[in-house]
Amino acid sequence: MLEDIEAAHGVGYKFEKFDDSGTADSFFIDYDTPWQTGIRGFLKDAPDLLTAYKTLMRYKKLSADFRKAIGLQDPNPASLVFDAPDEAWLAPIRERAHKLLDGCGRSFNTLSERIRKPLHKKGVAHD
């Protein structure tokens, strides 16, 4: 869910025409700061969640690593594995997800360790 929020409230960039010297050139201007957009911008209206920002980011990273480990590509959210109707292309991804999750219970650390192993095997850098 955090990845979906981040995509919907991402930091914005825009090309603007500037005419300081009589010529019109394109310049790249960053109109948004991290506190105005993205997840932090979304959470500024939910101060109780903003206090748990670091924990939320840990879970967001776990979700991103989970998607990599099971081979789910952007822009598909991790929830697609559990909520979407059965489709042929999704079957092997679902199977990898269930193998990874089987026996983890609700343990962040257990799931994190299981995810790290497939990522290392694939040669994906991990923190």
N, C-alpha and C. Protein backbone atom coordinates (compact mmCIF):
# COMPACT_ATOMS: atom_id res chain seq x y z
N MET A 1 0.82 -1.18 0.00
CA MET A 1 0.00 0.00 0.00
C MET A 1 0.87 1.26 0.00
N LEU A 2 1.98 1.24 0.74
CA LEU A 2 2.84 2.42 0.79
C LEU A 2 3.44 2.73 -0.58
N GLU A 3 3.76 1.69 -1.35
CA GLU A 3 4.29 1.93 -2.69
C GLU A 3 3.22 2.56 -3.59
N ASP A 4 1.98 2.16 -3.41
CA ASP A 4 0.88 2.76 -4.18
C ASP A 4 0.70 4.22 -3.79
N ILE A 5 0.79 4.51 -2.50
CA ILE A 5 0.67 5.88 -2.03
C ILE A 5 1.81 6.72 -2.59
N GLU A 6 3.01 6.17 -2.56
CA GLU A 6 4.17 6.90 -3.07
C GLU A 6 4.00 7.21 -4.56
N ALA A 7 3.50 6.25 -5.32
CA ALA A 7 3.30 6.47 -6.75
C ALA A 7 2.24 7.54 -7.00
N ALA A 8 1.20 7.53 -6.20
CA ALA A 8 0.12 8.49 -6.39
C ALA A 8 0.49 9.89 -5.91
N HIS A 9 1.42 9.98 -4.97
CA HIS A 9 1.79 11.27 -4.38
C HIS A 9 3.28 11.55 -4.59
N GLY A 10 3.82 11.11 -5.71
CA GLY A 10 5.25 11.24 -5.97
C GLY A 10 5.71 12.67 -6.10
N VAL A 11 7.01 12.86 -5.95
CA VAL A 11 7.62 14.18 -6.09
C VAL A 11 7.51 14.60 -7.54
N GLY A 12 7.09 15.82 -7.77
CA GLY A 12 6.85 16.30 -9.12
C GLY A 12 7.99 17.13 -9.68
N TYR A 13 8.24 16.96 -10.94
CA TYR A 13 9.22 17.75 -11.66
C TYR A 13 8.56 18.30 -12.90
N LYS A 14 9.05 19.40 -13.40
CA LYS A 14 8.38 20.03 -14.52
C LYS A 14 9.41 20.81 -15.34
N PHE A 15 9.26 20.79 -16.65
CA PHE A 15 10.08 21.63 -17.50
C PHE A 15 9.37 22.97 -17.66
N GLU A 16 10.11 24.05 -17.43
CA GLU A 16 9.55 25.40 -17.56
C GLU A 16 10.35 26.15 -18.61
N LYS A 17 9.68 26.98 -19.33
CA LYS A 17 10.35 27.87 -20.29
C LYS A 17 10.83 29.10 -19.54
N PHE A 18 12.12 29.43 -19.71
CA PHE A 18 12.70 30.60 -19.11
C PHE A 18 13.14 31.54 -20.22
N ASP A 19 13.02 32.79 -20.02
CA ASP A 19 13.42 33.74 -21.07
C ASP A 19 14.19 34.90 -20.46
N ASP A 20 15.33 34.61 -19.81
CA ASP A 20 16.16 35.65 -19.21
C ASP A 20 16.92 36.46 -20.23
N SER A 21 17.43 35.80 -21.26
CA SER A 21 18.31 36.47 -22.21
C SER A 21 17.65 36.68 -23.57
N GLY A 22 16.37 36.59 -23.61
CA GLY A 22 15.67 36.77 -24.87
C GLY A 22 15.48 35.47 -25.63
N THR A 23 16.07 34.37 -25.12
CA THR A 23 15.88 33.08 -25.78
C THR A 23 15.07 32.18 -24.87
N ALA A 24 14.30 31.32 -25.45
CA ALA A 24 13.46 30.40 -24.67
C ALA A 24 14.16 29.06 -24.57
N ASP A 25 14.62 28.72 -23.41
CA ASP A 25 15.27 27.43 -23.15
C ASP A 25 14.46 26.67 -22.11
N SER A 26 14.58 25.35 -22.13
CA SER A 26 13.89 24.54 -21.13
C SER A 26 14.80 24.30 -19.93
N PHE A 27 14.26 24.47 -18.75
CA PHE A 27 14.98 24.21 -17.52
C PHE A 27 14.19 23.22 -16.69
N PHE A 28 14.91 22.37 -15.98
CA PHE A 28 14.31 21.36 -15.13
C PHE A 28 14.14 21.97 -13.74
N ILE A 29 12.92 22.10 -13.27
CA ILE A 29 12.66 22.74 -11.98
C ILE A 29 11.95 21.75 -11.08
N ASP A 30 12.45 21.60 -9.86
CA ASP A 30 11.82 20.74 -8.86
C ASP A 30 10.86 21.61 -8.06
N TYR A 31 9.56 21.39 -8.24
CA TYR A 31 8.56 22.19 -7.54
C TYR A 31 8.19 21.64 -6.18
N ASP A 32 8.53 20.41 -5.93
CA ASP A 32 8.09 19.77 -4.70
C ASP A 32 9.28 19.41 -3.82
N THR A 33 9.08 19.52 -2.53
CA THR A 33 10.08 19.06 -1.59
C THR A 33 9.56 17.80 -0.94
N PRO A 34 10.46 16.96 -0.38
CA PRO A 34 9.99 15.69 0.18
C PRO A 34 8.90 15.81 1.24
N TRP A 35 8.83 16.93 1.95
CA TRP A 35 7.79 17.06 2.97
C TRP A 35 6.45 17.45 2.38
N GLN A 36 6.43 17.85 1.12
CA GLN A 36 5.17 18.25 0.51
C GLN A 36 4.51 17.12 -0.27
N THR A 37 5.31 16.18 -0.76
CA THR A 37 4.75 15.13 -1.60
C THR A 37 5.27 13.77 -1.15
N GLY A 38 4.96 12.77 -1.90
CA GLY A 38 5.39 11.43 -1.55
C GLY A 38 4.68 10.95 -0.31
N ILE A 39 5.27 9.96 0.33
CA ILE A 39 4.66 9.37 1.52
C ILE A 39 4.60 10.37 2.67
N ARG A 40 5.67 11.14 2.86
CA ARG A 40 5.66 12.12 3.94
C ARG A 40 4.56 13.16 3.74
N GLY A 41 4.39 13.58 2.51
CA GLY A 41 3.31 14.54 2.21
C GLY A 41 1.95 13.96 2.50
N PHE A 42 1.77 12.69 2.17
CA PHE A 42 0.51 12.00 2.47
C PHE A 42 0.30 11.88 3.97
N LEU A 43 1.38 11.57 4.69
CA LEU A 43 1.28 11.33 6.13
C LEU A 43 1.17 12.61 6.96
N LYS A 44 1.45 13.76 6.36
CA LYS A 44 1.34 15.00 7.15
C LYS A 44 -0.09 15.22 7.64
N ASP A 45 -1.06 14.60 6.95
CA ASP A 45 -2.45 14.69 7.38
C ASP A 45 -2.82 13.56 8.35
N ALA A 46 -1.86 12.70 8.66
CA ALA A 46 -2.07 11.59 9.60
C ALA A 46 -0.90 11.57 10.58
N PRO A 47 -0.84 12.55 11.50
CA PRO A 47 0.32 12.68 12.38
C PRO A 47 0.61 11.44 13.23
N ASP A 48 -0.42 10.66 13.56
CA ASP A 48 -0.19 9.45 14.34
C ASP A 48 0.63 8.44 13.54
N LEU A 49 0.44 8.39 12.23
CA LEU A 49 1.25 7.51 11.39
C LEU A 49 2.62 8.11 11.11
N LEU A 50 2.70 9.44 11.01
CA LEU A 50 3.97 10.09 10.75
C LEU A 50 4.98 9.82 11.85
N THR A 51 4.51 9.64 13.07
CA THR A 51 5.43 9.33 14.18
C THR A 51 6.08 7.96 14.01
N ALA A 52 5.45 7.10 13.21
CA ALA A 52 6.01 5.76 12.96
C ALA A 52 6.65 5.69 11.56
N TYR A 53 7.14 6.82 11.07
CA TYR A 53 7.67 6.91 9.71
C TYR A 53 8.77 5.88 9.43
N LYS A 54 9.72 5.74 10.32
CA LYS A 54 10.83 4.80 10.09
C LYS A 54 10.32 3.36 9.99
N THR A 55 9.38 3.01 10.84
CA THR A 55 8.81 1.67 10.79
C THR A 55 8.06 1.46 9.48
N LEU A 56 7.29 2.45 9.06
CA LEU A 56 6.57 2.36 7.80
C LEU A 56 7.54 2.18 6.63
N MET A 57 8.67 2.87 6.66
CA MET A 57 9.65 2.75 5.59
C MET A 57 10.31 1.37 5.58
N ARG A 58 10.49 0.79 6.77
CA ARG A 58 11.01 -0.59 6.84
C ARG A 58 10.05 -1.55 6.16
N TYR A 59 8.76 -1.39 6.42
CA TYR A 59 7.75 -2.25 5.79
C TYR A 59 7.65 -1.99 4.29
N LYS A 60 7.82 -0.74 3.88
CA LYS A 60 7.78 -0.41 2.46
C LYS A 60 8.94 -1.10 1.74
N LYS A 61 10.12 -1.07 2.35
CA LYS A 61 11.29 -1.73 1.75
C LYS A 61 11.07 -3.24 1.71
N LEU A 62 10.49 -3.79 2.75
CA LEU A 62 10.20 -5.23 2.76
C LEU A 62 9.25 -5.58 1.62
N SER A 63 8.26 -4.75 1.39
CA SER A 63 7.32 -4.99 0.29
C SER A 63 8.03 -4.93 -1.06
N ALA A 64 8.90 -3.94 -1.24
CA ALA A 64 9.65 -3.82 -2.50
C ALA A 64 10.55 -5.04 -2.70
N ASP A 65 11.22 -5.49 -1.64
CA ASP A 65 12.08 -6.68 -1.72
C ASP A 65 11.25 -7.93 -1.99
N PHE A 66 10.06 -8.01 -1.40
CA PHE A 66 9.16 -9.13 -1.63
C PHE A 66 8.78 -9.20 -3.11
N ARG A 67 8.44 -8.06 -3.68
CA ARG A 67 8.07 -8.02 -5.10
C ARG A 67 9.23 -8.47 -5.97
N LYS A 68 10.45 -8.04 -5.64
CA LYS A 68 11.62 -8.48 -6.41
C LYS A 68 11.83 -9.98 -6.29
N ALA A 69 11.72 -10.48 -5.06
CA ALA A 69 11.98 -11.89 -4.80
C ALA A 69 11.01 -12.82 -5.53
N ILE A 70 9.78 -12.38 -5.70
CA ILE A 70 8.79 -13.24 -6.37
C ILE A 70 8.69 -12.93 -7.87
N GLY A 71 9.40 -11.90 -8.32
CA GLY A 71 9.41 -11.57 -9.74
C GLY A 71 8.22 -10.76 -10.22
N LEU A 72 7.63 -9.98 -9.33
CA LEU A 72 6.49 -9.13 -9.69
C LEU A 72 7.02 -7.77 -10.13
N GLN A 73 6.75 -7.41 -11.37
CA GLN A 73 7.29 -6.18 -11.95
C GLN A 73 6.38 -4.98 -11.73
N ASP A 74 6.97 -3.78 -11.76
CA ASP A 74 6.20 -2.54 -11.74
C ASP A 74 5.30 -2.52 -12.95
N PRO A 75 4.17 -1.96 -12.89
CA PRO A 75 3.56 -1.19 -11.82
C PRO A 75 2.65 -2.02 -10.94
N ASN A 76 2.82 -3.33 -10.93
CA ASN A 76 1.92 -4.22 -10.18
C ASN A 76 2.21 -4.18 -8.69
N PRO A 77 1.21 -3.88 -7.87
CA PRO A 77 1.41 -3.87 -6.42
C PRO A 77 1.45 -5.30 -5.86
N ALA A 78 2.08 -5.48 -4.72
CA ALA A 78 2.17 -6.79 -4.09
C ALA A 78 0.79 -7.36 -3.78
N SER A 79 -0.17 -6.50 -3.52
CA SER A 79 -1.52 -6.98 -3.21
C SER A 79 -2.15 -7.75 -4.38
N LEU A 80 -1.66 -7.52 -5.58
CA LEU A 80 -2.17 -8.23 -6.76
C LEU A 80 -2.01 -9.74 -6.61
N VAL A 81 -0.96 -10.16 -5.93
CA VAL A 81 -0.69 -11.58 -5.73
C VAL A 81 -1.82 -12.24 -4.94
N PHE A 82 -2.43 -11.50 -4.06
CA PHE A 82 -3.44 -12.07 -3.17
C PHE A 82 -4.87 -11.72 -3.57
N ASP A 83 -5.05 -10.59 -4.22
CA ASP A 83 -6.40 -10.09 -4.49
C ASP A 83 -6.89 -10.26 -5.92
N ALA A 84 -5.99 -10.40 -6.87
CA ALA A 84 -6.40 -10.44 -8.28
C ALA A 84 -7.00 -11.80 -8.65
N PRO A 85 -7.86 -11.80 -9.64
CA PRO A 85 -8.39 -13.08 -10.12
C PRO A 85 -7.27 -13.92 -10.74
N ASP A 86 -7.50 -15.22 -10.84
CA ASP A 86 -6.49 -16.11 -11.41
C ASP A 86 -6.24 -15.77 -12.87
N GLU A 87 -4.98 -15.56 -13.18
CA GLU A 87 -4.56 -15.33 -14.56
C GLU A 87 -3.30 -16.15 -14.78
N ALA A 88 -3.08 -16.62 -15.98
CA ALA A 88 -1.96 -17.51 -16.28
C ALA A 88 -0.61 -16.88 -15.95
N TRP A 89 -0.42 -15.61 -16.28
CA TRP A 89 0.88 -14.97 -16.05
C TRP A 89 1.17 -14.80 -14.56
N LEU A 90 0.12 -14.77 -13.75
CA LEU A 90 0.27 -14.53 -12.32
C LEU A 90 0.53 -15.82 -11.53
N ALA A 91 0.22 -16.97 -12.11
CA ALA A 91 0.33 -18.25 -11.39
C ALA A 91 1.74 -18.53 -10.85
N PRO A 92 2.82 -18.41 -11.64
CA PRO A 92 4.15 -18.70 -11.08
C PRO A 92 4.58 -17.69 -10.02
N ILE A 93 4.15 -16.45 -10.16
CA ILE A 93 4.47 -15.41 -9.18
C ILE A 93 3.76 -15.72 -7.87
N ARG A 94 2.49 -16.11 -7.97
CA ARG A 94 1.71 -16.49 -6.78
C ARG A 94 2.34 -17.68 -6.07
N GLU A 95 2.78 -18.66 -6.85
CA GLU A 95 3.41 -19.85 -6.26
C GLU A 95 4.68 -19.47 -5.50
N ARG A 96 5.53 -18.61 -6.09
CA ARG A 96 6.75 -18.16 -5.40
C ARG A 96 6.40 -17.39 -4.13
N ALA A 97 5.36 -16.57 -4.19
CA ALA A 97 4.93 -15.79 -3.03
C ALA A 97 4.48 -16.70 -1.90
N HIS A 98 3.67 -17.71 -2.23
CA HIS A 98 3.18 -18.61 -1.19
C HIS A 98 4.31 -19.45 -0.58
N LYS A 99 5.27 -19.86 -1.39
CA LYS A 99 6.44 -20.59 -0.86
C LYS A 99 7.22 -19.72 0.11
N LEU A 100 7.39 -18.47 -0.27
CA LEU A 100 8.15 -17.53 0.57
C LEU A 100 7.43 -17.24 1.88
N LEU A 101 6.12 -17.12 1.82
CA LEU A 101 5.35 -16.76 3.01
C LEU A 101 4.99 -17.95 3.90
N ASP A 102 5.00 -19.15 3.34
CA ASP A 102 4.59 -20.34 4.09
C ASP A 102 5.45 -20.53 5.34
N GLY A 103 4.80 -20.49 6.50
CA GLY A 103 5.48 -20.71 7.77
C GLY A 103 6.09 -19.47 8.40
N CYS A 104 5.97 -18.32 7.76
CA CYS A 104 6.53 -17.08 8.32
C CYS A 104 5.71 -16.56 9.49
N GLY A 105 4.44 -16.87 9.49
CA GLY A 105 3.57 -16.28 10.50
C GLY A 105 3.50 -14.79 10.29
N ARG A 106 3.59 -14.04 11.35
CA ARG A 106 3.54 -12.58 11.27
C ARG A 106 4.89 -11.96 11.59
N SER A 107 5.96 -12.72 11.40
CA SER A 107 7.28 -12.25 11.78
C SER A 107 7.96 -11.46 10.65
N PHE A 108 8.22 -10.20 10.92
CA PHE A 108 8.95 -9.33 9.98
C PHE A 108 10.33 -9.91 9.72
N ASN A 109 11.03 -10.30 10.79
CA ASN A 109 12.41 -10.78 10.65
C ASN A 109 12.50 -12.07 9.85
N THR A 110 11.58 -12.99 10.09
CA THR A 110 11.59 -14.26 9.35
C THR A 110 11.36 -14.00 7.87
N LEU A 111 10.39 -13.20 7.55
CA LEU A 111 10.12 -12.89 6.15
C LEU A 111 11.29 -12.15 5.51
N SER A 112 11.86 -11.22 6.24
CA SER A 112 13.00 -10.47 5.73
C SER A 112 14.17 -11.40 5.41
N GLU A 113 14.46 -12.35 6.29
CA GLU A 113 15.54 -13.31 6.05
C GLU A 113 15.25 -14.20 4.85
N ARG A 114 14.02 -14.65 4.72
CA ARG A 114 13.65 -15.49 3.58
C ARG A 114 13.75 -14.73 2.27
N ILE A 115 13.41 -13.47 2.29
CA ILE A 115 13.48 -12.66 1.07
C ILE A 115 14.93 -12.42 0.68
N ARG A 116 15.79 -12.20 1.66
CA ARG A 116 17.20 -11.93 1.39
C ARG A 116 17.87 -13.06 0.61
N LYS A 117 17.55 -14.29 0.95
CA LYS A 117 18.18 -15.44 0.29
C LYS A 117 17.90 -15.46 -1.21
N PRO A 118 16.63 -15.39 -1.65
CA PRO A 118 16.39 -15.37 -3.10
C PRO A 118 17.01 -14.15 -3.79
N LEU A 119 17.04 -13.01 -3.12
CA LEU A 119 17.63 -11.83 -3.74
C LEU A 119 19.13 -12.00 -3.93
N HIS A 120 19.79 -12.62 -2.95
CA HIS A 120 21.22 -12.86 -3.09
C HIS A 120 21.51 -13.86 -4.20
N LYS A 121 20.65 -14.86 -4.34
CA LYS A 121 20.82 -15.86 -5.40
C LYS A 121 20.68 -15.21 -6.77
N LYS A 122 19.79 -14.23 -6.89
CA LYS A 122 19.57 -13.57 -8.17
C LYS A 122 20.63 -12.51 -8.45
N GLY A 123 21.49 -12.22 -7.46
CA GLY A 123 22.51 -11.20 -7.65
C GLY A 123 22.00 -9.79 -7.44
N VAL A 124 20.87 -9.65 -6.76
CA VAL A 124 20.32 -8.34 -6.48
C VAL A 124 20.98 -7.80 -5.22
N ALA A 125 21.50 -6.58 -5.30
CA ALA A 125 22.14 -5.98 -4.13
C ALA A 125 21.11 -5.76 -3.04
N HIS A 126 21.49 -6.03 -1.83
CA HIS A 126 20.59 -5.86 -0.70
C HIS A 126 21.35 -5.18 0.43
N ASP A 127 20.66 -4.31 1.17
CA ASP A 127 21.30 -3.61 2.29
C ASP A 127 21.60 -4.54 3.43
